[in-house]
């Protein structure tokens, strides 16, 4: 019974991306560990663990909510990415 935890910075993935990631990681584990047996799917646990940007550092730089929104786009109250205006 595999348990997979994906750690990421809060604000990078929107609800649609999380759903796709959970589904695709599950599919991959069924294919590889479950050897394609569809029944194996019910034994696969996948969890996305999000932490505040202040808990992360990349090259000594801590991301901020503003940097994340500027890079990936903001996430609305509905959990989906807000379309950025085109230049």
C-alpha atoms as a PDB file:
ATOM      1  CA  UNK A   1       0.000   0.000   0.000  1.00  0.00           C
ATOM      2  CA  UNK A   2       1.932   3.075  -1.185  1.00  0.00           C
ATOM      3  CA  UNK A   3       1.737   6.432   0.568  1.00  0.00           C
ATOM      4  CA  UNK A   4       3.013   9.407  -1.407  1.00  0.00           C
ATOM      5  CA  UNK A   5       3.369  12.895   0.054  1.00  0.00           C
ATOM      6  CA  UNK A   6       3.993  15.841  -2.240  1.00  0.00           C
ATOM      7  CA  UNK A   7       5.303  18.902  -0.402  1.00  0.00           C
ATOM      8  CA  UNK A   8       4.912  22.305  -1.998  1.00  0.00           C
ATOM      9  CA  UNK A   9       4.598  25.983  -1.230  1.00  0.00           C
ATOM     10  CA  UNK A  10       1.018  27.121  -0.612  1.00  0.00           C
ATOM     11  CA  UNK A  11      -0.234  29.187  -3.536  1.00  0.00           C
ATOM     12  CA  UNK A  12       1.619  27.472  -6.367  1.00  0.00           C
ATOM     13  CA  UNK A  13      -1.005  24.857  -7.266  1.00  0.00           C
ATOM     14  CA  UNK A  14      -4.663  25.691  -7.824  1.00  0.00           C
ATOM     15  CA  UNK A  15      -7.524  23.223  -7.275  1.00  0.00           C
ATOM     16  CA  UNK A  16      -7.468  21.965 -10.878  1.00  0.00           C
ATOM     17  CA  UNK A  17      -3.715  21.355 -10.782  1.00  0.00           C
ATOM     18  CA  UNK A  18      -3.983  19.529  -7.444  1.00  0.00           C
ATOM     19  CA  UNK A  19      -6.706  17.256  -8.804  1.00  0.00           C
ATOM     20  CA  UNK A  20      -4.641  16.458 -11.907  1.00  0.00           C
ATOM     21  CA  UNK A  21      -1.518  15.808  -9.828  1.00  0.00           C
ATOM     22  CA  UNK A  22      -3.370  13.454  -7.465  1.00  0.00           C
ATOM     23  CA  UNK A  23      -4.904  11.541 -10.368  1.00  0.00           C
ATOM     24  CA  UNK A  24      -1.681  11.247 -12.390  1.00  0.00           C
ATOM     25  CA  UNK A  25       0.467  10.153  -9.450  1.00  0.00           C
ATOM     26  CA  UNK A  26      -2.166   7.537  -8.625  1.00  0.00           C
ATOM     27  CA  UNK A  27      -2.205   6.375 -12.257  1.00  0.00           C
ATOM     28  CA  UNK A  28       1.588   6.084 -12.257  1.00  0.00           C
ATOM     29  CA  UNK A  29       1.632   3.993  -9.088  1.00  0.00           C
ATOM     30  CA  UNK A  30      -1.051   1.692 -10.483  1.00  0.00           C
ATOM     31  CA  UNK A  31       1.005   1.284 -13.649  1.00  0.00           C
ATOM     32  CA  UNK A  32       4.377   0.741 -11.958  1.00  0.00           C
ATOM     33  CA  UNK A  33       3.824  -0.752  -8.510  1.00  0.00           C
ATOM     34  CA  UNK A  34       0.430  -2.281  -9.241  1.00  0.00           C
ATOM     35  CA  UNK A  35       1.676  -3.615 -12.591  1.00  0.00           C
ATOM     36  CA  UNK A  36      -1.400  -2.224 -14.318  1.00  0.00           C
ATOM     37  CA  UNK A  37      -3.904  -3.979 -12.045  1.00  0.00           C
ATOM     38  CA  UNK A  38      -6.856  -1.568 -11.747  1.00  0.00           C
ATOM     39  CA  UNK A  39      -7.782  -3.085  -8.356  1.00  0.00           C
ATOM     40  CA  UNK A  40      -4.504  -1.731  -6.943  1.00  0.00           C
ATOM     41  CA  UNK A  41      -5.895   1.832  -7.260  1.00  0.00           C
ATOM     42  CA  UNK A  42      -7.889   1.526  -4.043  1.00  0.00           C
ATOM     43  CA  UNK A  43      -4.645   0.926  -2.123  1.00  0.00           C
ATOM     44  CA  UNK A  44      -2.887   4.095  -3.305  1.00  0.00           C
ATOM     45  CA  UNK A  45      -2.713   7.080  -0.959  1.00  0.00           C
ATOM     46  CA  UNK A  46      -1.503  10.423  -2.328  1.00  0.00           C
ATOM     47  CA  UNK A  47      -1.395  13.598  -0.259  1.00  0.00           C
ATOM     48  CA  UNK A  48      -0.452  17.153  -1.145  1.00  0.00           C
ATOM     49  CA  UNK A  49       1.073  18.963   1.799  1.00  0.00           C
ATOM     50  CA  UNK A  50       1.224  22.736   1.451  1.00  0.00           C
ATOM     51  CA  UNK A  51       3.179  25.039   3.729  1.00  0.00           C
ATOM     52  CA  UNK A  52       3.350  28.803   3.996  1.00  0.00           C
ATOM     53  CA  UNK A  53       5.994  30.405   1.783  1.00  0.00           C
ATOM     54  CA  UNK A  54       7.868  31.526   4.915  1.00  0.00           C
ATOM     55  CA  UNK A  55       8.650  27.854   5.634  1.00  0.00           C
ATOM     56  CA  UNK A  56      10.645  27.486   2.410  1.00  0.00           C
ATOM     57  CA  UNK A  57      13.915  28.753   1.043  1.00  0.00           C
ATOM     58  CA  UNK A  58      15.435  28.405  -2.402  1.00  0.00           C
ATOM     59  CA  UNK A  59      19.030  29.498  -2.697  1.00  0.00           C
ATOM     60  CA  UNK A  60      18.662  31.386   0.578  1.00  0.00           C
ATOM     61  CA  UNK A  61      15.652  33.391  -0.690  1.00  0.00           C
ATOM     62  CA  UNK A  62      12.263  33.017   0.937  1.00  0.00           C
ATOM     63  CA  UNK A  63       9.352  33.397  -1.467  1.00  0.00           C
ATOM     64  CA  UNK A  64       6.516  35.743  -0.573  1.00  0.00           C
ATOM     65  CA  UNK A  65       2.859  35.535  -1.528  1.00  0.00           C
ATOM     66  CA  UNK A  66       3.492  38.413  -3.922  1.00  0.00           C
ATOM     67  CA  UNK A  67       6.380  36.629  -5.643  1.00  0.00           C
ATOM     68  CA  UNK A  68       4.304  33.457  -5.978  1.00  0.00           C
ATOM     69  CA  UNK A  69       1.283  35.323  -7.374  1.00  0.00           C
ATOM     70  CA  UNK A  70       3.525  37.264  -9.751  1.00  0.00           C
ATOM     71  CA  UNK A  71       5.171  34.088 -11.011  1.00  0.00           C
ATOM     72  CA  UNK A  72       2.263  31.656 -11.121  1.00  0.00           C
ATOM     73  CA  UNK A  73      -0.790  33.931 -10.915  1.00  0.00           C
ATOM     74  CA  UNK A  74      -3.106  34.490  -7.979  1.00  0.00           C
ATOM     75  CA  UNK A  75      -5.574  31.890  -6.758  1.00  0.00           C
ATOM     76  CA  UNK A  76      -9.144  33.064  -6.260  1.00  0.00           C
ATOM     77  CA  UNK A  77     -11.520  32.280  -3.407  1.00  0.00           C
ATOM     78  CA  UNK A  78     -12.860  29.351  -5.449  1.00  0.00           C
ATOM     79  CA  UNK A  79      -9.409  27.715  -5.389  1.00  0.00           C
ATOM     80  CA  UNK A  80      -8.811  28.257  -9.104  1.00  0.00           C
ATOM     81  CA  UNK A  81      -6.083  30.316 -10.722  1.00  0.00           C
ATOM     82  CA  UNK A  82      -7.178  33.820 -11.679  1.00  0.00           C
ATOM     83  CA  UNK A  83      -6.373  34.576 -15.304  1.00  0.00           C
ATOM     84  CA  UNK A  84      -3.679  37.188 -15.586  1.00  0.00           C
ATOM     85  CA  UNK A  85      -4.378  40.126 -17.878  1.00  0.00           C
ATOM     86  CA  UNK A  86      -2.548  39.888 -21.189  1.00  0.00           C
ATOM     87  CA  UNK A  87       0.065  42.594 -21.783  1.00  0.00           C
END
